[in-house]
Amino acid sequence: MFNNKRPNSRSLYFSDRLTEVLNQIPQYPLTVMEAPMGYGKTTAIQEYAAKNGITTLWKTVRENDEAHFWSDFCEVFAELDRDCSYKLAELGMPDDNTTRRDAAALIANRPGKDRVLFVIDDVHLLAGTAVYDFIVTLAQEKIPGFHVVLATRMVSLEMLEEMTLKGLAQHVTQAVFELLPSDIVKYYQRCGVRLKPQEAESLHSYTEGWISALYLCLLGFLQEGRFEKPVNLQELLAKTVYGPLTDELKDFLQRLCVFDYFTMPQAQFAWPNHNAASLLKQLM
């Protein structure tokens, strides 16, 4: 049932376990956050950085291309230090021990020593070793005030266990992101819904603590006023997210679903009308 708070499905919740590891990010040169899609890795990092006022540089990997990665890495670094960015670009993608150490030295000698988080999101899309070797070098150099955070669906760092044992990295696994029944009660309460203990246990059994599934269940409850276990999550997604959309929004999504990701110009090109930006805003 609803509590005295007005229902708000957009409320965010982070468990004590997740909050603890987020607060430990400054203690490590490298933090690896590993969990499947929809466990809130990106949101958790964004909220942590915003709450603590930490300068954050963000690079989202789009394709398995090391040269493209390095170009984007340098471009993002320009937000912190343009001169250093130019020097990193001139150096090129570090592919041996010497160039990796040279790149790390450039970053270490940047003007200003404020704490910086360099987040590389969806790093699992990179299959090559050069990027991972460079990340390992950054961690081993222990650059003061510079912390790398990787968000990934799977880990490809062969030395991660060794670095964790040496205190150079912390490895945050799926179990940390999963919500326990007590967490589910608190999450729904924050959204304005009061759960009975048996309802929280049932939701945990069904979703295994996956917050994306819990969010869809919450939407279903807000629409129906009761909890109903769907046949599967695809049915729940169709019912709570896709079903309520207008015919225009459904048509818009169908035209864009062929893309793994897309830019605004691509959306405008794929949509025959002139309101692609407005429709995207409605979907956010």
Protein backbone atom coordinates (compact mmCIF):
# COMPACT_ATOMS: atom_id res chain seq x y z
CA MET A 1 0.00 0.00 0.00
CA PHE A 2 1.00 3.63 -0.31
CA ASN A 3 2.56 5.42 2.62
CA ASN A 4 2.12 9.10 3.38
CA LYS A 5 4.70 10.02 0.78
CA ARG A 6 3.51 10.67 -2.76
CA PRO A 7 4.61 7.77 -5.01
CA ASN A 8 7.71 8.57 -7.06
CA SER A 9 9.12 5.74 -9.16
CA ARG A 10 12.23 7.81 -10.00
CA SER A 11 13.58 7.82 -6.44
CA LEU A 12 17.06 6.33 -6.17
CA TYR A 13 18.20 3.87 -3.52
CA PHE A 14 21.67 2.55 -2.72
CA SER A 15 22.17 -0.20 -0.18
CA ASP A 16 24.60 0.18 2.71
CA ARG A 17 26.87 -2.41 1.05
CA LEU A 18 27.04 -0.43 -2.20
CA THR A 19 27.47 2.89 -0.40
CA GLU A 20 30.40 1.45 1.53
CA VAL A 21 32.32 0.37 -1.59
CA LEU A 22 31.57 3.66 -3.33
CA ASN A 23 33.03 5.54 -0.38
CA GLN A 24 36.18 3.42 -0.70
CA ILE A 25 36.89 4.53 -4.29
CA PRO A 26 39.42 7.20 -3.17
CA GLN A 27 41.40 4.50 -1.35
CA TYR A 28 42.28 2.65 -4.54
CA PRO A 29 43.92 3.62 -7.85
CA LEU A 30 41.44 1.31 -9.60
CA THR A 31 37.85 0.27 -8.91
CA VAL A 32 36.19 -2.35 -11.10
CA MET A 33 32.40 -2.48 -10.92
CA GLU A 34 31.26 -5.73 -12.55
CA ALA A 35 27.60 -6.65 -13.02
CA PRO A 36 25.20 -7.37 -15.90
CA MET A 37 23.26 -4.59 -17.57
CA GLY A 38 20.59 -2.96 -15.43
CA TYR A 39 22.20 -3.32 -12.01
CA GLY A 40 22.79 0.42 -11.63
CA LYS A 41 26.57 0.65 -12.08
CA THR A 42 26.50 3.89 -14.07
CA THR A 43 23.91 5.55 -11.84
CA ALA A 44 25.81 4.63 -8.69
CA ILE A 45 29.05 6.17 -9.97
CA GLN A 46 27.30 9.32 -11.18
CA GLU A 47 25.49 9.85 -7.90
CA TYR A 48 28.61 9.20 -5.83
CA ALA A 49 30.65 11.72 -7.82
CA ALA A 50 27.89 14.36 -7.74
CA LYS A 51 27.26 13.93 -4.02
CA ASN A 52 30.94 14.31 -3.17
CA GLY A 53 31.72 17.06 -5.67
CA ILE A 54 34.49 15.06 -7.34
CA THR A 55 35.75 16.06 -10.77
CA THR A 56 34.70 13.23 -13.07
CA LEU A 57 35.85 12.49 -16.59
CA TRP A 58 33.61 10.03 -18.42
CA LYS A 59 34.41 7.83 -21.39
CA THR A 60 31.77 5.37 -22.64
CA VAL A 61 33.13 2.67 -24.92
CA ARG A 62 31.04 2.21 -28.07
CA GLU A 63 33.08 -0.23 -30.12
CA ASN A 64 36.07 -2.56 -30.05
CA ASP A 65 38.60 -0.11 -31.46
CA GLU A 66 41.70 0.76 -29.43
CA ALA A 67 42.71 3.70 -31.64
CA HIS A 68 39.23 5.19 -31.34
CA PHE A 69 39.33 4.60 -27.58
CA TRP A 70 42.61 6.47 -27.23
CA SER A 71 41.37 9.38 -29.32
CA ASP A 72 38.29 9.67 -27.12
CA PHE A 73 40.38 9.21 -23.96
CA CYS A 74 42.55 12.18 -24.94
CA GLU A 75 39.54 14.27 -25.90
CA VAL A 76 37.87 13.62 -22.55
CA PHE A 77 41.13 14.35 -20.71
CA ALA A 78 41.15 17.77 -22.36
CA GLU A 79 38.34 18.72 -19.98
CA LEU A 80 40.95 18.48 -17.21
CA ASP A 81 44.13 19.61 -18.96
CA ARG A 82 44.22 20.49 -22.65
CA ASP A 83 48.01 20.64 -22.90
CA CYS A 84 48.36 17.19 -21.35
CA SER A 85 45.64 15.94 -23.68
CA TYR A 86 47.63 17.07 -26.72
CA LYS A 87 50.76 15.32 -25.44
CA LEU A 88 48.84 12.09 -24.81
CA ALA A 89 47.41 12.26 -28.34
CA GLU A 90 50.89 12.78 -29.81
CA LEU A 91 52.16 9.78 -27.84
CA GLY A 92 49.50 7.55 -29.35
CA MET A 93 47.87 4.48 -27.86
CA PRO A 94 50.48 3.11 -25.40
CA ASP A 95 51.35 -0.39 -26.59
CA ASP A 96 54.53 -1.19 -24.65
CA ASN A 97 55.93 -0.68 -21.16
CA THR A 98 57.84 2.47 -22.10
CA THR A 99 54.93 4.34 -23.69
CA ARG A 100 52.55 3.20 -20.95
CA ARG A 101 54.86 4.65 -18.29
CA ASP A 102 55.29 7.83 -20.36
CA ALA A 103 51.51 8.27 -20.55
CA ALA A 104 51.15 7.65 -16.83
CA ALA A 105 53.88 10.23 -16.15
CA LEU A 106 52.05 12.84 -18.24
CA ILE A 107 48.89 12.24 -16.23
CA ALA A 108 50.78 12.30 -12.93
CA ASN A 109 52.45 15.63 -13.78
CA ARG A 110 49.22 17.39 -14.78
CA PRO A 111 48.76 20.85 -13.21
CA GLY A 112 46.51 20.82 -10.16
CA LYS A 113 46.20 17.83 -7.90
CA ASP A 114 42.49 17.81 -7.14
CA ARG A 115 40.96 14.36 -6.90
CA VAL A 116 39.78 13.08 -10.28
CA LEU A 117 37.70 10.07 -11.25
CA PHE A 118 38.27 8.79 -14.76
CA VAL A 119 35.31 6.53 -15.50
CA ILE A 120 35.43 4.10 -18.41
CA ASP A 121 31.93 2.73 -18.94
CA ASP A 122 31.12 -0.47 -20.87
CA VAL A 123 34.82 -1.33 -21.03
CA HIS A 124 33.90 -4.98 -21.71
CA LEU A 125 33.35 -3.99 -25.36
CA LEU A 126 37.11 -3.68 -25.78
CA ALA A 127 38.60 -7.10 -26.56
CA GLY A 128 42.21 -6.01 -27.11
CA THR A 129 44.87 -6.05 -24.42
CA ALA A 130 46.56 -2.67 -24.94
CA VAL A 131 43.87 -0.69 -23.12
CA TYR A 132 43.79 -3.14 -20.22
CA ASP A 133 47.59 -3.11 -19.95
CA PHE A 134 47.49 0.69 -19.80
CA ILE A 135 44.87 0.61 -17.04
CA VAL A 136 47.03 -1.81 -15.05
CA THR A 137 50.00 0.55 -15.43
CA LEU A 138 47.93 3.49 -14.16
CA ALA A 139 46.97 1.45 -11.09
CA GLN A 140 50.54 0.31 -10.46
CA GLU A 141 51.86 3.88 -10.69
CA LYS A 142 49.44 4.93 -7.92
CA ILE A 143 49.08 8.47 -9.27
CA PRO A 144 48.06 10.76 -6.37
CA GLY A 145 44.48 11.98 -6.67
CA PHE A 146 43.80 10.06 -9.90
CA HIS A 147 41.39 7.13 -9.67
CA VAL A 148 40.16 4.97 -12.54
CA VAL A 149 36.70 3.41 -12.29
CA LEU A 150 35.69 0.69 -14.74
CA ALA A 151 32.03 -0.20 -15.27
CA THR A 152 31.78 -3.53 -17.03
CA ARG A 153 29.51 -6.52 -17.57
CA MET A 154 32.50 -8.85 -17.37
CA VAL A 155 36.11 -8.52 -16.26
CA SER A 156 38.98 -8.95 -18.72
CA LEU A 157 41.82 -7.84 -16.45
CA GLU A 158 43.98 -10.90 -15.90
CA MET A 159 45.88 -9.18 -13.08
CA LEU A 160 42.80 -8.00 -11.19
CA GLU A 161 43.03 -10.61 -8.44
CA GLU A 162 46.71 -9.84 -7.91
CA MET A 163 46.08 -6.07 -7.83
CA THR A 164 43.24 -6.58 -5.36
CA LEU A 165 45.52 -8.57 -3.05
CA LYS A 166 48.14 -5.80 -3.29
CA GLY A 167 45.60 -3.11 -2.42
CA LEU A 168 45.80 -1.49 -5.85
CA ALA A 169 42.21 -2.26 -6.80
CA GLN A 170 38.81 -3.07 -5.40
CA HIS A 171 36.52 -5.43 -7.28
CA VAL A 172 32.81 -4.73 -6.83
CA THR A 173 30.74 -7.72 -7.96
CA GLN A 174 27.09 -8.31 -8.78
CA ALA A 175 26.32 -9.45 -5.24
CA VAL A 176 26.99 -5.92 -3.96
CA PHE A 177 24.40 -4.46 -6.35
CA GLU A 178 21.67 -6.99 -5.53
CA LEU A 179 19.01 -5.79 -3.11
CA LEU A 180 18.11 -7.98 -0.14
CA PRO A 181 14.49 -8.13 1.10
CA SER A 182 15.29 -5.47 3.72
CA ASP A 183 16.74 -3.26 0.97
CA ILE A 184 13.64 -3.78 -1.17
CA VAL A 185 11.46 -2.55 1.69
CA LYS A 186 13.60 0.59 2.01
CA TYR A 187 13.72 1.16 -1.77
CA TYR A 188 9.96 0.93 -2.19
CA GLN A 189 9.40 3.05 0.92
CA ARG A 190 11.57 5.75 -0.63
CA CYS A 191 9.34 5.54 -3.71
CA GLY A 192 6.24 5.97 -1.57
CA VAL A 193 5.13 2.32 -1.29
CA ARG A 194 5.00 0.40 1.98
CA LEU A 195 5.63 -3.33 1.62
CA LYS A 196 4.72 -6.19 3.89
CA PRO A 197 7.68 -8.47 4.77
CA GLN A 198 6.20 -11.35 2.77
CA GLU A 199 5.80 -9.07 -0.28
CA ALA A 200 9.47 -8.08 -0.08
CA GLU A 201 10.46 -11.74 0.22
CA SER A 202 8.32 -12.62 -2.80
CA LEU A 203 9.81 -9.79 -4.87
CA HIS A 204 13.31 -10.86 -3.90
CA SER A 205 12.58 -14.45 -4.88
CA TYR A 206 11.22 -13.35 -8.24
CA THR A 207 13.83 -10.69 -9.13
CA GLU A 208 16.86 -12.03 -7.21
CA GLY A 209 17.46 -8.45 -6.10
CA TRP A 210 17.89 -7.07 -9.64
CA ILE A 211 16.90 -3.43 -9.30
CA SER A 212 15.75 -3.06 -12.92
CA ALA A 213 13.23 -5.86 -12.39
CA LEU A 214 12.20 -4.36 -9.04
CA TYR A 215 11.65 -1.04 -10.80
CA LEU A 216 9.39 -2.68 -13.38
CA CYS A 217 7.45 -4.40 -10.59
CA LEU A 218 7.07 -1.02 -8.90
CA LEU A 219 5.68 0.51 -12.10
CA GLY A 220 3.25 -2.40 -12.36
CA PHE A 221 2.07 -1.82 -8.81
CA LEU A 222 1.64 1.93 -9.35
CA GLN A 223 -0.47 1.18 -12.43
CA GLU A 224 -2.55 -1.68 -11.02
CA GLY A 225 -2.54 -0.96 -7.28
CA ARG A 226 -1.44 -4.54 -6.51
CA PHE A 227 1.47 -6.86 -7.08
CA GLU A 228 1.01 -9.47 -9.78
CA LYS A 229 3.81 -11.79 -10.79
CA PRO A 230 4.03 -11.75 -14.61
CA VAL A 231 4.95 -14.77 -16.68
CA ASN A 232 8.36 -13.23 -17.43
CA LEU A 233 10.20 -9.92 -17.35
CA GLN A 234 9.57 -9.32 -21.07
CA GLU A 235 5.85 -9.36 -20.35
CA LEU A 236 6.36 -6.99 -17.42
CA LEU A 237 8.43 -4.62 -19.55
CA ALA A 238 5.82 -4.62 -22.31
CA LYS A 239 3.00 -4.01 -19.85
CA THR A 240 4.55 -1.31 -17.67
CA VAL A 241 6.86 0.56 -20.05
CA TYR A 242 5.87 -0.05 -23.67
CA GLY A 243 2.11 -0.49 -23.28
CA PRO A 244 1.28 2.98 -21.87
CA LEU A 245 3.15 4.79 -24.67
CA THR A 246 1.31 6.64 -27.40
CA ASP A 247 1.19 5.12 -30.89
CA GLU A 248 3.62 7.78 -32.08
CA LEU A 249 6.18 6.90 -29.39
CA LYS A 250 5.82 3.19 -30.16
CA ASP A 251 6.41 3.84 -33.86
CA PHE A 252 9.40 6.02 -32.97
CA LEU A 253 10.96 3.27 -30.83
CA GLN A 254 10.38 0.64 -33.49
CA ARG A 255 12.33 2.71 -36.01
CA LEU A 256 15.24 3.18 -33.59
CA CYS A 257 15.41 -0.32 -32.12
CA VAL A 258 17.68 -1.49 -34.96
CA PHE A 259 20.51 0.58 -33.40
CA ASP A 260 22.58 -0.62 -30.44
CA TYR A 261 22.93 3.08 -29.63
CA PHE A 262 22.25 6.25 -31.59
CA THR A 263 22.98 9.96 -31.72
CA MET A 264 20.43 12.74 -32.05
CA PRO A 265 21.25 13.26 -35.77
CA GLN A 266 20.69 9.53 -36.36
CA ALA A 267 17.36 9.66 -34.53
CA GLN A 268 16.29 12.67 -36.61
CA PHE A 269 17.34 10.91 -39.81
CA ALA A 270 15.47 7.68 -38.94
CA TRP A 271 12.28 9.52 -37.95
CA PRO A 272 10.34 11.14 -40.83
CA ASN A 273 8.86 13.92 -38.70
CA HIS A 274 10.63 16.88 -37.08
CA ASN A 275 9.95 16.13 -33.43
CA ALA A 276 12.58 13.49 -32.64
CA ALA A 277 14.09 15.62 -29.86
CA SER A 278 10.69 16.12 -28.25
CA LEU A 279 9.91 12.39 -28.38
CA LEU A 280 13.26 11.47 -26.83
CA LYS A 281 12.60 13.95 -24.04
CA GLN A 282 9.26 12.24 -23.33
CA LEU A 283 11.02 8.87 -23.07
CA MET A 284 13.61 10.07 -20.59
